[in-house]
Amino acid sequence: MDELLDRLLFLTEDVLGRLEELTSDELAEWVKAREALIEQIRRQPSKEFRGEERRRKVDRLLGQSPAIVARMEELRAEAAGHLNKRGQARLQKSAYDAVVAPDSFYIDKKK
């Protein structure tokens, strides 16, 4: 149990050290590795989870979560912005393409 918690702590602290430079793909890999470790911890008998040192490690892990979640939200917002821009560009292009006939000329009346 201690070894699993230590590995989870190391993994989490490693991510925290590089948090600002992590890509969404790297964070996704971290989540998969973290989930695998948590699943192994869940399989342990609950009596092995007792102890002050283990409780401190878990509290430390829980305290580090908000920073990681904030970075994930930041990346999600950035990706949503890119998708919105692409959607707007696609919408504008399709609106422009629908108006223009293939054999016609476009005359800008504003100038």
PDB file of N, CA and C in Angstrom:
ATOM      1  N   MET A   1       0.822  -1.193   0.000  1.00  0.00           N
ATOM      2  CA  MET A   1       0.000   0.000   0.000  1.00  0.00           C
ATOM      3  C   MET A   1       0.864   1.255   0.000  1.00  0.00           C
ATOM      4  N   ASP A   2       1.865   1.292   0.840  1.00  0.00           N
ATOM      5  CA  ASP A   2       2.736   2.462   0.904  1.00  0.00           C
ATOM      6  C   ASP A   2       3.445   2.703  -0.421  1.00  0.00           C
ATOM      7  N   GLU A   3       3.865   1.615  -1.060  1.00  0.00           N
ATOM      8  CA  GLU A   3       4.560   1.745  -2.337  1.00  0.00           C
ATOM      9  C   GLU A   3       3.634   2.353  -3.396  1.00  0.00           C
ATOM     10  N   LEU A   4       2.384   1.924  -3.413  1.00  0.00           N
ATOM     11  CA  LEU A   4       1.432   2.470  -4.376  1.00  0.00           C
ATOM     12  C   LEU A   4       1.165   3.952  -4.121  1.00  0.00           C
ATOM     13  N   LEU A   5       0.996   4.306  -2.856  1.00  0.00           N
ATOM     14  CA  LEU A   5       0.786   5.714  -2.517  1.00  0.00           C
ATOM     15  C   LEU A   5       2.013   6.559  -2.865  1.00  0.00           C
ATOM     16  N   ASP A   6       3.189   6.019  -2.626  1.00  0.00           N
ATOM     17  CA  ASP A   6       4.420   6.741  -2.962  1.00  0.00           C
ATOM     18  C   ASP A   6       4.540   6.954  -4.476  1.00  0.00           C
ATOM     19  N   ARG A   7       4.196   5.931  -5.244  1.00  0.00           N
ATOM     20  CA  ARG A   7       4.244   6.056  -6.700  1.00  0.00           C
ATOM     21  C   ARG A   7       3.228   7.094  -7.187  1.00  0.00           C
ATOM     22  N   LEU A   8       2.041   7.087  -6.580  1.00  0.00           N
ATOM     23  CA  LEU A   8       1.020   8.054  -6.942  1.00  0.00           C
ATOM     24  C   LEU A   8       1.457   9.472  -6.579  1.00  0.00           C
ATOM     25  N   LEU A   9       2.068   9.618  -5.418  1.00  0.00           N
ATOM     26  CA  LEU A   9       2.595  10.923  -5.007  1.00  0.00           C
ATOM     27  C   LEU A   9       3.687  11.404  -5.958  1.00  0.00           C
ATOM     28  N   PHE A  10       4.603  10.511  -6.308  1.00  0.00           N
ATOM     29  CA  PHE A  10       5.686  10.872  -7.225  1.00  0.00           C
ATOM     30  C   PHE A  10       5.129  11.304  -8.572  1.00  0.00           C
ATOM     31  N   LEU A  11       4.186  10.534  -9.074  1.00  0.00           N
ATOM     32  CA  LEU A  11       3.564  10.837 -10.364  1.00  0.00           C
ATOM     33  C   LEU A  11       2.875  12.201 -10.324  1.00  0.00           C
ATOM     34  N   THR A  12       2.164  12.462  -9.240  1.00  0.00           N
ATOM     35  CA  THR A  12       1.436  13.726  -9.092  1.00  0.00           C
ATOM     36  C   THR A  12       2.398  14.898  -8.951  1.00  0.00           C
ATOM     37  N   GLU A  13       3.426  14.744  -8.149  1.00  0.00           N
ATOM     38  CA  GLU A  13       4.382  15.829  -7.956  1.00  0.00           C
ATOM     39  C   GLU A  13       5.184  16.109  -9.225  1.00  0.00           C
ATOM     40  N   ASP A  14       5.440  15.069 -10.003  1.00  0.00           N
ATOM     41  CA  ASP A  14       6.115  15.245 -11.283  1.00  0.00           C
ATOM     42  C   ASP A  14       5.262  16.098 -12.216  1.00  0.00           C
ATOM     43  N   VAL A  15       3.976  15.803 -12.268  1.00  0.00           N
ATOM     44  CA  VAL A  15       3.063  16.571 -13.111  1.00  0.00           C
ATOM     45  C   VAL A  15       2.956  18.005 -12.610  1.00  0.00           C
ATOM     46  N   LEU A  16       2.892  18.194 -11.309  1.00  0.00           N
ATOM     47  CA  LEU A  16       2.803  19.541 -10.754  1.00  0.00           C
ATOM     48  C   LEU A  16       4.035  20.374 -11.090  1.00  0.00           C
ATOM     49  N   GLY A  17       5.184  19.743 -11.141  1.00  0.00           N
ATOM     50  CA  GLY A  17       6.416  20.451 -11.467  1.00  0.00           C
ATOM     51  C   GLY A  17       6.463  20.944 -12.902  1.00  0.00           C
ATOM     52  N   ARG A  18       5.726  20.274 -13.779  1.00  0.00           N
ATOM     53  CA  ARG A  18       5.732  20.638 -15.206  1.00  0.00           C
ATOM     54  C   ARG A  18       4.357  21.100 -15.678  1.00  0.00           C
ATOM     55  N   LEU A  19       3.517  21.477 -14.770  1.00  0.00           N
ATOM     56  CA  LEU A  19       2.104  21.722 -15.058  1.00  0.00           C
ATOM     57  C   LEU A  19       1.867  22.741 -16.162  1.00  0.00           C
ATOM     58  N   GLU A  20       2.577  23.845 -16.150  1.00  0.00           N
ATOM     59  CA  GLU A  20       2.331  24.905 -17.129  1.00  0.00           C
ATOM     60  C   GLU A  20       2.764  24.531 -18.540  1.00  0.00           C
ATOM     61  N   GLU A  21       3.666  23.583 -18.670  1.00  0.00           N
ATOM     62  CA  GLU A  21       4.151  23.218 -20.003  1.00  0.00           C
ATOM     63  C   GLU A  21       3.526  21.925 -20.531  1.00  0.00           C
ATOM     64  N   LEU A  22       2.669  21.288 -19.747  1.00  0.00           N
ATOM     65  CA  LEU A  22       2.044  20.037 -20.175  1.00  0.00           C
ATOM     66  C   LEU A  22       0.997  20.272 -21.248  1.00  0.00           C
ATOM     67  N   THR A  23       0.948  19.343 -22.196  1.00  0.00           N
ATOM     68  CA  THR A  23      -0.087  19.389 -23.228  1.00  0.00           C
ATOM     69  C   THR A  23      -1.275  18.557 -22.762  1.00  0.00           C
ATOM     70  N   SER A  24      -2.355  18.659 -23.479  1.00  0.00           N
ATOM     71  CA  SER A  24      -3.543  17.884 -23.118  1.00  0.00           C
ATOM     72  C   SER A  24      -3.287  16.381 -23.271  1.00  0.00           C
ATOM     73  N   ASP A  25      -2.475  16.001 -24.246  1.00  0.00           N
ATOM     74  CA  ASP A  25      -2.148  14.579 -24.439  1.00  0.00           C
ATOM     75  C   ASP A  25      -1.344  14.035 -23.257  1.00  0.00           C
ATOM     76  N   GLU A  26      -0.385  14.837 -22.784  1.00  0.00           N
ATOM     77  CA  GLU A  26       0.414  14.404 -21.634  1.00  0.00           C
ATOM     78  C   GLU A  26      -0.447  14.297 -20.379  1.00  0.00           C
ATOM     79  N   LEU A  27      -1.375  15.215 -20.222  1.00  0.00           N
ATOM     80  CA  LEU A  27      -2.280  15.130 -19.076  1.00  0.00           C
ATOM     81  C   LEU A  27      -3.189  13.916 -19.179  1.00  0.00           C
ATOM     82  N   ALA A  28      -3.614  13.579 -20.380  1.00  0.00           N
ATOM     83  CA  ALA A  28      -4.455  12.392 -20.580  1.00  0.00           C
ATOM     84  C   ALA A  28      -3.681  11.121 -20.214  1.00  0.00           C
ATOM     85  N   GLU A  29      -2.409  11.068 -20.587  1.00  0.00           N
ATOM     86  CA  GLU A  29      -1.569   9.917 -20.212  1.00  0.00           C
ATOM     87  C   GLU A  29      -1.418   9.842 -18.694  1.00  0.00           C
ATOM     88  N   TRP A  30      -1.229  10.993 -18.062  1.00  0.00           N
ATOM     89  CA  TRP A  30      -1.102  11.038 -16.606  1.00  0.00           C
ATOM     90  C   TRP A  30      -2.379  10.529 -15.936  1.00  0.00           C
ATOM     91  N   VAL A  31      -3.522  10.926 -16.457  1.00  0.00           N
ATOM     92  CA  VAL A  31      -4.797  10.484 -15.882  1.00  0.00           C
ATOM     93  C   VAL A  31      -4.922   8.966 -15.982  1.00  0.00           C
ATOM     94  N   LYS A  32      -4.520   8.396 -17.107  1.00  0.00           N
ATOM     95  CA  LYS A  32      -4.587   6.930 -17.265  1.00  0.00           C
ATOM     96  C   LYS A  32      -3.676   6.228 -16.265  1.00  0.00           C
ATOM     97  N   ALA A  33      -2.458   6.725 -16.113  1.00  0.00           N
ATOM     98  CA  ALA A  33      -1.513   6.122 -15.165  1.00  0.00           C
ATOM     99  C   ALA A  33      -2.027   6.274 -13.737  1.00  0.00           C
ATOM    100  N   ARG A  34      -2.590   7.421 -13.438  1.00  0.00           N
ATOM    101  CA  ARG A  34      -3.134   7.684 -12.101  1.00  0.00           C
ATOM    102  C   ARG A  34      -4.312   6.756 -11.808  1.00  0.00           C
ATOM    103  N   GLU A  35      -5.180   6.588 -12.791  1.00  0.00           N
ATOM    104  CA  GLU A  35      -6.325   5.701 -12.603  1.00  0.00           C
ATOM    105  C   GLU A  35      -5.889   4.262 -12.348  1.00  0.00           C
ATOM    106  N   ALA A  36      -4.858   3.819 -13.047  1.00  0.00           N
ATOM    107  CA  ALA A  36      -4.360   2.454 -12.843  1.00  0.00           C
ATOM    108  C   ALA A  36      -3.846   2.283 -11.411  1.00  0.00           C
ATOM    109  N   LEU A  37      -3.116   3.278 -10.917  1.00  0.00           N
ATOM    110  CA  LEU A  37      -2.621   3.205  -9.541  1.00  0.00           C
ATOM    111  C   LEU A  37      -3.761   3.260  -8.531  1.00  0.00           C
ATOM    112  N   ILE A  38      -4.730   4.106  -8.770  1.00  0.00           N
ATOM    113  CA  ILE A  38      -5.868   4.205  -7.850  1.00  0.00           C
ATOM    114  C   ILE A  38      -6.653   2.904  -7.826  1.00  0.00           C
ATOM    115  N   GLU A  39      -6.782   2.287  -8.977  1.00  0.00           N
ATOM    116  CA  GLU A  39      -7.485   0.989  -9.029  1.00  0.00           C
ATOM    117  C   GLU A  39      -6.736  -0.071  -8.225  1.00  0.00           C
ATOM    118  N   GLN A  40      -5.421  -0.060  -8.297  1.00  0.00           N
ATOM    119  CA  GLN A  40      -4.623  -0.994  -7.501  1.00  0.00           C
ATOM    120  C   GLN A  40      -4.791  -0.701  -6.013  1.00  0.00           C
ATOM    121  N   ILE A  41      -4.848   0.561  -5.658  1.00  0.00           N
ATOM    122  CA  ILE A  41      -5.041   0.933  -4.250  1.00  0.00           C
ATOM    123  C   ILE A  41      -6.410   0.487  -3.768  1.00  0.00           C
ATOM    124  N   ARG A  42      -7.424   0.634  -4.606  1.00  0.00           N
ATOM    125  CA  ARG A  42      -8.787   0.214  -4.228  1.00  0.00           C
ATOM    126  C   ARG A  42      -8.882  -1.287  -3.976  1.00  0.00           C
ATOM    127  N   ARG A  43      -8.061  -2.049  -4.650  1.00  0.00           N
ATOM    128  CA  ARG A  43      -8.090  -3.515  -4.470  1.00  0.00           C
ATOM    129  C   ARG A  43      -7.481  -3.951  -3.137  1.00  0.00           C
ATOM    130  N   GLN A  44      -6.754  -3.050  -2.503  1.00  0.00           N
ATOM    131  CA  GLN A  44      -6.131  -3.374  -1.214  1.00  0.00           C
ATOM    132  C   GLN A  44      -7.215  -3.458  -0.132  1.00  0.00           C
ATOM    133  N   PRO A  45      -7.021  -4.332   0.836  1.00  0.00           N
ATOM    134  CA  PRO A  45      -7.979  -4.386   1.946  1.00  0.00           C
ATOM    135  C   PRO A  45      -8.019  -3.054   2.693  1.00  0.00           C
ATOM    136  N   SER A  46      -9.197  -2.688   3.154  1.00  0.00           N
ATOM    137  CA  SER A  46      -9.359  -1.375   3.786  1.00  0.00           C
ATOM    138  C   SER A  46      -8.557  -1.248   5.082  1.00  0.00           C
ATOM    139  N   LYS A  47      -8.268  -2.371   5.738  1.00  0.00           N
ATOM    140  CA  LYS A  47      -7.492  -2.283   6.980  1.00  0.00           C
ATOM    141  C   LYS A  47      -6.060  -1.807   6.722  1.00  0.00           C
ATOM    142  N   GLU A  48      -5.567  -1.997   5.496  1.00  0.00           N
ATOM    143  CA  GLU A  48      -4.220  -1.538   5.156  1.00  0.00           C
ATOM    144  C   GLU A  48      -4.174  -0.035   4.935  1.00  0.00           C
ATOM    145  N   PHE A  49      -5.334   0.579   4.909  1.00  0.00           N
ATOM    146  CA  PHE A  49      -5.412   2.002   4.649  1.00  0.00           C
ATOM    147  C   PHE A  49      -5.331   2.838   5.920  1.00  0.00           C
ATOM    148  N   ARG A  50      -5.245   2.187   7.016  1.00  0.00           N
ATOM    149  CA  ARG A  50      -5.165   2.900   8.291  1.00  0.00           C
ATOM    150  C   ARG A  50      -3.731   3.333   8.559  1.00  0.00           C
ATOM    151  N   GLY A  51      -3.616   4.354   9.347  1.00  0.00           N
ATOM    152  CA  GLY A  51      -2.289   4.845   9.712  1.00  0.00           C
ATOM    153  C   GLY A  51      -2.165   6.321   9.414  1.00  0.00           C
ATOM    154  N   GLU A  52      -1.500   7.010  10.306  1.00  0.00           N
ATOM    155  CA  GLU A  52      -1.363   8.460  10.189  1.00  0.00           C
ATOM    156  C   GLU A  52      -0.529   8.864   8.971  1.00  0.00           C
ATOM    157  N   GLU A  53       0.543   8.139   8.689  1.00  0.00           N
ATOM    158  CA  GLU A  53       1.402   8.466   7.551  1.00  0.00           C
ATOM    159  C   GLU A  53       0.641   8.319   6.231  1.00  0.00           C
ATOM    160  N   ARG A  54      -0.130   7.266   6.106  1.00  0.00           N
ATOM    161  CA  ARG A  54      -0.926   7.071   4.895  1.00  0.00           C
ATOM    162  C   ARG A  54      -1.965   8.168   4.756  1.00  0.00           C
ATOM    163  N   ARG A  55      -2.579   8.545   5.858  1.00  0.00           N
ATOM    164  CA  ARG A  55      -3.589   9.611   5.850  1.00  0.00           C
ATOM    165  C   ARG A  55      -2.959  10.927   5.371  1.00  0.00           C
ATOM    166  N   ARG A  56      -1.744  11.222   5.829  1.00  0.00           N
ATOM    167  CA  ARG A  56      -1.059  12.440   5.394  1.00  0.00           C
ATOM    168  C   ARG A  56      -0.763  12.420   3.896  1.00  0.00           C
ATOM    169  N   LYS A  57      -0.361  11.254   3.393  1.00  0.00           N
ATOM    170  CA  LYS A  57      -0.086  11.139   1.958  1.00  0.00           C
ATOM    171  C   LYS A  57      -1.348  11.379   1.137  1.00  0.00           C
ATOM    172  N   VAL A  58      -2.442  10.798   1.593  1.00  0.00           N
ATOM    173  CA  VAL A  58      -3.710  10.975   0.877  1.00  0.00           C
ATOM    174  C   VAL A  58      -4.147  12.438   0.938  1.00  0.00           C
ATOM    175  N   ASP A  59      -4.013  13.064   2.095  1.00  0.00           N
ATOM    176  CA  ASP A  59      -4.368  14.477   2.230  1.00  0.00           C
ATOM    177  C   ASP A  59      -3.501  15.347   1.316  1.00  0.00           C
ATOM    178  N   ARG A  60      -2.222  15.007   1.208  1.00  0.00           N
ATOM    179  CA  ARG A  60      -1.316  15.741   0.332  1.00  0.00           C
ATOM    180  C   ARG A  60      -1.751  15.601  -1.128  1.00  0.00           C
ATOM    181  N   LEU A  61      -2.131  14.377  -1.507  1.00  0.00           N
ATOM    182  CA  LEU A  61      -2.610  14.140  -2.869  1.00  0.00           C
ATOM    183  C   LEU A  61      -3.872  14.947  -3.156  1.00  0.00           C
ATOM    184  N   LEU A  62      -4.777  14.936  -2.205  1.00  0.00           N
ATOM    185  CA  LEU A  62      -6.034  15.664  -2.391  1.00  0.00           C
ATOM    186  C   LEU A  62      -5.794  17.171  -2.457  1.00  0.00           C
ATOM    187  N   GLY A  63      -4.815  17.664  -1.731  1.00  0.00           N
ATOM    188  CA  GLY A  63      -4.497  19.080  -1.753  1.00  0.00           C
ATOM    189  C   GLY A  63      -3.887  19.535  -3.065  1.00  0.00           C
ATOM    190  N   GLN A  64      -3.282  18.618  -3.797  1.00  0.00           N
ATOM    191  CA  GLN A  64      -2.643  18.959  -5.063  1.00  0.00           C
ATOM    192  C   GLN A  64      -3.614  18.920  -6.234  1.00  0.00           C
ATOM    193  N   SER A  65      -4.755  18.320  -6.037  1.00  0.00           N
ATOM    194  CA  SER A  65      -5.718  18.160  -7.128  1.00  0.00           C
ATOM    195  C   SER A  65      -6.234  19.465  -7.717  1.00  0.00           C
ATOM    196  N   PRO A  66      -6.561  20.488  -6.912  1.00  0.00           N
ATOM    197  CA  PRO A  66      -7.127  21.707  -7.510  1.00  0.00           C
ATOM    198  C   PRO A  66      -6.225  22.369  -8.558  1.00  0.00           C
ATOM    199  N   ALA A  67      -4.933  22.355  -8.370  1.00  0.00           N
ATOM    200  CA  ALA A  67      -4.022  22.964  -9.349  1.00  0.00           C
ATOM    201  C   ALA A  67      -4.063  22.199 -10.666  1.00  0.00           C
ATOM    202  N   ILE A  68      -4.125  20.886 -10.581  1.00  0.00           N
ATOM    203  CA  ILE A  68      -4.160  20.062 -11.794  1.00  0.00           C
ATOM    204  C   ILE A  68      -5.500  20.233 -12.506  1.00  0.00           C
ATOM    205  N   VAL A  69      -6.573  20.255 -11.739  1.00  0.00           N
ATOM    206  CA  VAL A  69      -7.902  20.451 -12.324  1.00  0.00           C
ATOM    207  C   VAL A  69      -7.988  21.823 -12.996  1.00  0.00           C
ATOM    208  N   ALA A  70      -7.395  22.828 -12.386  1.00  0.00           N
ATOM    209  CA  ALA A  70      -7.399  24.171 -12.976  1.00  0.00           C
ATOM    210  C   ALA A  70      -6.675  24.174 -14.316  1.00  0.00           C
ATOM    211  N   ARG A  71      -5.555  23.470 -14.398  1.00  0.00           N
ATOM    212  CA  ARG A  71      -4.819  23.397 -15.668  1.00  0.00           C
ATOM    213  C   ARG A  71      -5.642  22.651 -16.722  1.00  0.00           C
ATOM    214  N   MET A  72      -6.328  21.594 -16.308  1.00  0.00           N
ATOM    215  CA  MET A  72      -7.179  20.852 -17.243  1.00  0.00           C
ATOM    216  C   MET A  72      -8.303  21.755 -17.775  1.00  0.00           C
ATOM    217  N   GLU A  73      -8.887  22.554 -16.895  1.00  0.00           N
ATOM    218  CA  GLU A  73      -9.940  23.485 -17.311  1.00  0.00           C
ATOM    219  C   GLU A  73      -9.388  24.528 -18.275  1.00  0.00           C
ATOM    220  N   GLU A  74      -8.173  24.977 -18.014  1.00  0.00           N
ATOM    221  CA  GLU A  74      -7.511  25.945 -18.886  1.00  0.00           C
ATOM    222  C   GLU A  74      -7.328  25.358 -20.287  1.00  0.00           C
ATOM    223  N   LEU A  75      -6.853  24.122 -20.350  1.00  0.00           N
ATOM    224  CA  LEU A  75      -6.655  23.461 -21.643  1.00  0.00           C
ATOM    225  C   LEU A  75      -7.985  23.212 -22.341  1.00  0.00           C
ATOM    226  N   ARG A  76      -9.011  22.877 -21.578  1.00  0.00           N
ATOM    227  CA  ARG A  76     -10.338  22.641 -22.152  1.00  0.00           C
ATOM    228  C   ARG A  76     -10.888  23.931 -22.757  1.00  0.00           C
ATOM    229  N   ALA A  77     -10.739  25.036 -22.042  1.00  0.00           N
ATOM    230  CA  ALA A  77     -11.215  26.323 -22.543  1.00  0.00           C
ATOM    231  C   ALA A  77     -10.456  26.733 -23.807  1.00  0.00           C
ATOM    232  N   GLU A  78      -9.160  26.468 -23.815  1.00  0.00           N
ATOM    233  CA  GLU A  78      -8.347  26.782 -24.989  1.00  0.00           C
ATOM    234  C   GLU A  78      -8.802  25.962 -26.195  1.00  0.00           C
ATOM    235  N   ALA A  79      -9.048  24.679 -25.987  1.00  0.00           N
ATOM    236  CA  ALA A  79      -9.511  23.812 -27.070  1.00  0.00           C
ATOM    237  C   ALA A  79     -10.899  24.242 -27.546  1.00  0.00           C
ATOM    238  N   ALA A  80     -11.768  24.624 -26.625  1.00  0.00           N
ATOM    239  CA  ALA A  80     -13.105  25.083 -27.004  1.00  0.00           C
ATOM    240  C   ALA A  80     -13.016  26.352 -27.842  1.00  0.00           C
ATOM    241  N   GLY A  81     -12.103  27.232 -27.483  1.00  0.00           N
ATOM    242  CA  GLY A  81     -11.907  28.452 -28.267  1.00  0.00           C
ATOM    243  C   GLY A  81     -11.454  28.152 -29.685  1.00  0.00           C
ATOM    244  N   HIS A  82     -10.528  27.203 -29.812  1.00  0.00           N
ATOM    245  CA  HIS A  82     -10.057  26.818 -31.146  1.00  0.00           C
ATOM    246  C   HIS A  82     -11.187  26.201 -31.965  1.00  0.00           C
ATOM    247  N   LEU A  83     -11.988  25.366 -31.320  1.00  0.00           N
ATOM    248  CA  LEU A  83     -13.110  24.742 -32.031  1.00  0.00           C
ATOM    249  C   LEU A  83     -14.134  25.790 -32.461  1.00  0.00           C
ATOM    250  N   ASN A  84     -14.389  26.758 -31.603  1.00  0.00           N
ATOM    251  CA  ASN A  84     -15.327  27.824 -31.970  1.00  0.00           C
ATOM    252  C   ASN A  84     -14.816  28.630 -33.149  1.00  0.00           C
ATOM    253  N   LYS A  85     -13.505  28.935 -33.147  1.00  0.00           N
ATOM    254  CA  LYS A  85     -12.922  29.679 -34.266  1.00  0.00           C
ATOM    255  C   LYS A  85     -13.048  28.899 -35.570  1.00  0.00           C
ATOM    256  N   ARG A  86     -12.773  27.603 -35.500  1.00  0.00           N
ATOM    257  CA  ARG A  86     -12.877  26.770 -36.707  1.00  0.00           C
ATOM    258  C   ARG A  86     -14.312  26.686 -37.186  1.00  0.00           C
ATOM    259  N   GLY A  87     -15.224  26.575 -36.232  1.00  0.00           N
ATOM    260  CA  GLY A  87     -16.642  26.519 -36.589  1.00  0.00           C
ATOM    261  C   GLY A  87     -17.106  27.809 -37.236  1.00  0.00           C
ATOM    262  N   GLN A  88     -16.670  28.949 -36.688  1.00  0.00           N
ATOM    263  CA  GLN A  88     -17.030  30.251 -37.271  1.00  0.00           C
ATOM    264  C   GLN A  88     -16.440  30.395 -38.676  1.00  0.00           C
ATOM    265  N   ALA A  89     -15.189  29.994 -38.838  1.00  0.00           N
ATOM    266  CA  ALA A  89     -14.544  30.086 -40.154  1.00  0.00           C
ATOM    267  C   ALA A  89     -15.273  29.206 -41.166  1.00  0.00           C
ATOM    268  N   ARG A  90     -15.634  28.017 -40.753  1.00  0.00           N
ATOM    269  CA  ARG A  90     -16.343  27.090 -41.635  1.00  0.00           C
ATOM    270  C   ARG A  90     -17.715  27.660 -42.004  1.00  0.00           C
ATOM    271  N   LEU A  91     -18.397  28.249 -41.020  1.00  0.00           N
ATOM    272  CA  LEU A  91     -19.712  28.839 -41.256  1.00  0.00           C
ATOM    273  C   LEU A  91     -19.612  30.012 -42.226  1.00  0.00           C
ATOM    274  N   GLN A  92     -18.608  30.875 -42.036  1.00  0.00           N
ATOM    275  CA  GLN A  92     -18.434  32.014 -42.926  1.00  0.00           C
ATOM    276  C   GLN A  92     -18.080  31.571 -44.341  1.00  0.00           C
ATOM    277  N   LYS A  93     -17.242  30.558 -44.427  1.00  0.00           N
ATOM    278  CA  LYS A  93     -16.844  30.058 -45.748  1.00  0.00           C
ATOM    279  C   LYS A  93     -18.038  29.440 -46.464  1.00  0.00           C
ATOM    280  N   SER A  94     -18.829  28.662 -45.751  1.00  0.00           N
ATOM    281  CA  SER A  94     -19.982  28.034 -46.394  1.00  0.00           C
ATOM    282  C   SER A  94     -21.020  29.079 -46.795  1.00  0.00           C
ATOM    283  N   ALA A  95     -21.189  30.128 -46.012  1.00  0.00           N
ATOM    284  CA  ALA A  95     -22.126  31.194 -46.372  1.00  0.00           C
ATOM    285  C   ALA A  95     -21.628  31.932 -47.605  1.00  0.00           C
ATOM    286  N   TYR A  96     -20.347  32.165 -47.688  1.00  0.00           N
ATOM    287  CA  TYR A  96     -19.764  32.858 -48.835  1.00  0.00           C
ATOM    288  C   TYR A  96     -19.842  31.982 -50.079  1.00  0.00           C
ATOM    289  N   ASP A  97     -19.543  30.692 -49.923  1.00  0.00           N
ATOM    290  CA  ASP A  97     -19.579  29.773 -51.065  1.00  0.00           C
ATOM    291  C   ASP A  97     -20.985  29.598 -51.609  1.00  0.00           C
ATOM    292  N   ALA A  98     -21.985  29.673 -50.759  1.00  0.00           N
ATOM    293  CA  ALA A  98     -23.358  29.474 -51.201  1.00  0.00           C
ATOM    294  C   ALA A  98     -23.843  30.642 -52.054  1.00  0.00           C
ATOM    295  N   VAL A  99     -23.362  31.841 -51.797  1.00  0.00           N
ATOM    296  CA  VAL A  99     -23.808  33.036 -52.515  1.00  0.00           C
ATOM    297  C   VAL A  99     -23.155  33.134 -53.888  1.00  0.00           C
ATOM    298  N   VAL A 100     -21.924  32.717 -53.996  1.00  0.00           N
ATOM    299  CA  VAL A 100     -21.159  32.904 -55.222  1.00  0.00           C
ATOM    300  C   VAL A 100     -21.382  31.726 -56.168  1.00  0.00           C
ATOM    301  N   ALA A 101     -21.792  32.037 -57.379  1.00  0.00           N
ATOM    302  CA  ALA A 101     -21.941  31.014 -58.408  1.00  0.00           C
ATOM    303  C   ALA A 101     -20.577  30.760 -59.026  1.00  0.00           C
ATOM    304  N   PRO A 102     -20.342  29.564 -59.545  1.00  0.00           N
ATOM    305  CA  PRO A 102     -19.011  29.238 -60.078  1.00  0.00           C
ATOM    306  C   PRO A 102     -18.556  30.111 -61.255  1.00  0.00           C
ATOM    307  N   ASP A 103     -19.474  30.580 -62.102  1.00  0.00           N
ATOM    308  CA  ASP A 103     -19.092  31.355 -63.283  1.00  0.00           C
ATOM    309  C   ASP A 103     -19.289  32.857 -63.086  1.00  0.00           C
ATOM    310  N   SER A 104     -19.449  33.300 -61.858  1.00  0.00           N
ATOM    311  CA  SER A 104     -19.732  34.707 -61.629  1.00  0.00           C
ATOM    312  C   SER A 104     -18.513  35.436 -61.071  1.00  0.00           C
ATOM    313  N   PHE A 105     -18.632  36.767 -61.047  1.00  0.00           N
ATOM    314  CA  PHE A 105     -17.608  37.616 -60.474  1.00  0.00           C
ATOM    315  C   PHE A 105     -18.123  38.197 -59.173  1.00  0.00           C
ATOM    316  N   TYR A 106     -17.226  38.459 -58.287  1.00  0.00           N
ATOM    317  CA  TYR A 106     -17.597  39.081 -57.015  1.00  0.00           C
ATOM    318  C   TYR A 106     -17.177  40.543 -57.075  1.00  0.00           C
ATOM    319  N   ILE A 107     -18.126  41.446 -56.833  1.00  0.00           N
ATOM    320  CA  ILE A 107     -17.822  42.876 -56.843  1.00  0.00           C
ATOM    321  C   ILE A 107     -18.087  43.404 -55.455  1.00  0.00           C
ATOM    322  N   ASP A 108     -17.056  43.999 -54.885  1.00  0.00           N
ATOM    323  CA  ASP A 108     -17.160  44.576 -53.543  1.00  0.00           C
ATOM    324  C   ASP A 108     -17.720  45.981 -53.675  1.00  0.00           C
ATOM    325  N   LYS A 109     -18.944  46.191 -53.217  1.00  0.00           N
ATOM    326  CA  LYS A 109     -19.614  47.470 -53.375  1.00  0.00           C
ATOM    327  C   LYS A 109     -19.206  48.488 -52.315  1.00  0.00           C
ATOM    328  N   LYS A 110     -18.522  48.045 -51.274  1.00  0.00           N
ATOM    329  CA  LYS A 110     -18.134  48.949 -50.203  1.00  0.00           C
ATOM    330  C   LYS A 110     -17.028  49.895 -50.615  1.00  0.00           C
ATOM    331  N   LYS A 111     -16.206  49.491 -51.562  1.00  0.00           N
ATOM    332  CA  LYS A 111     -15.054  50.321 -51.946  1.00  0.00           C
ATOM    333  C   LYS A 111     -15.369  51.163 -53.129  1.00  0.00           C
TER     334      LYS A 111
END
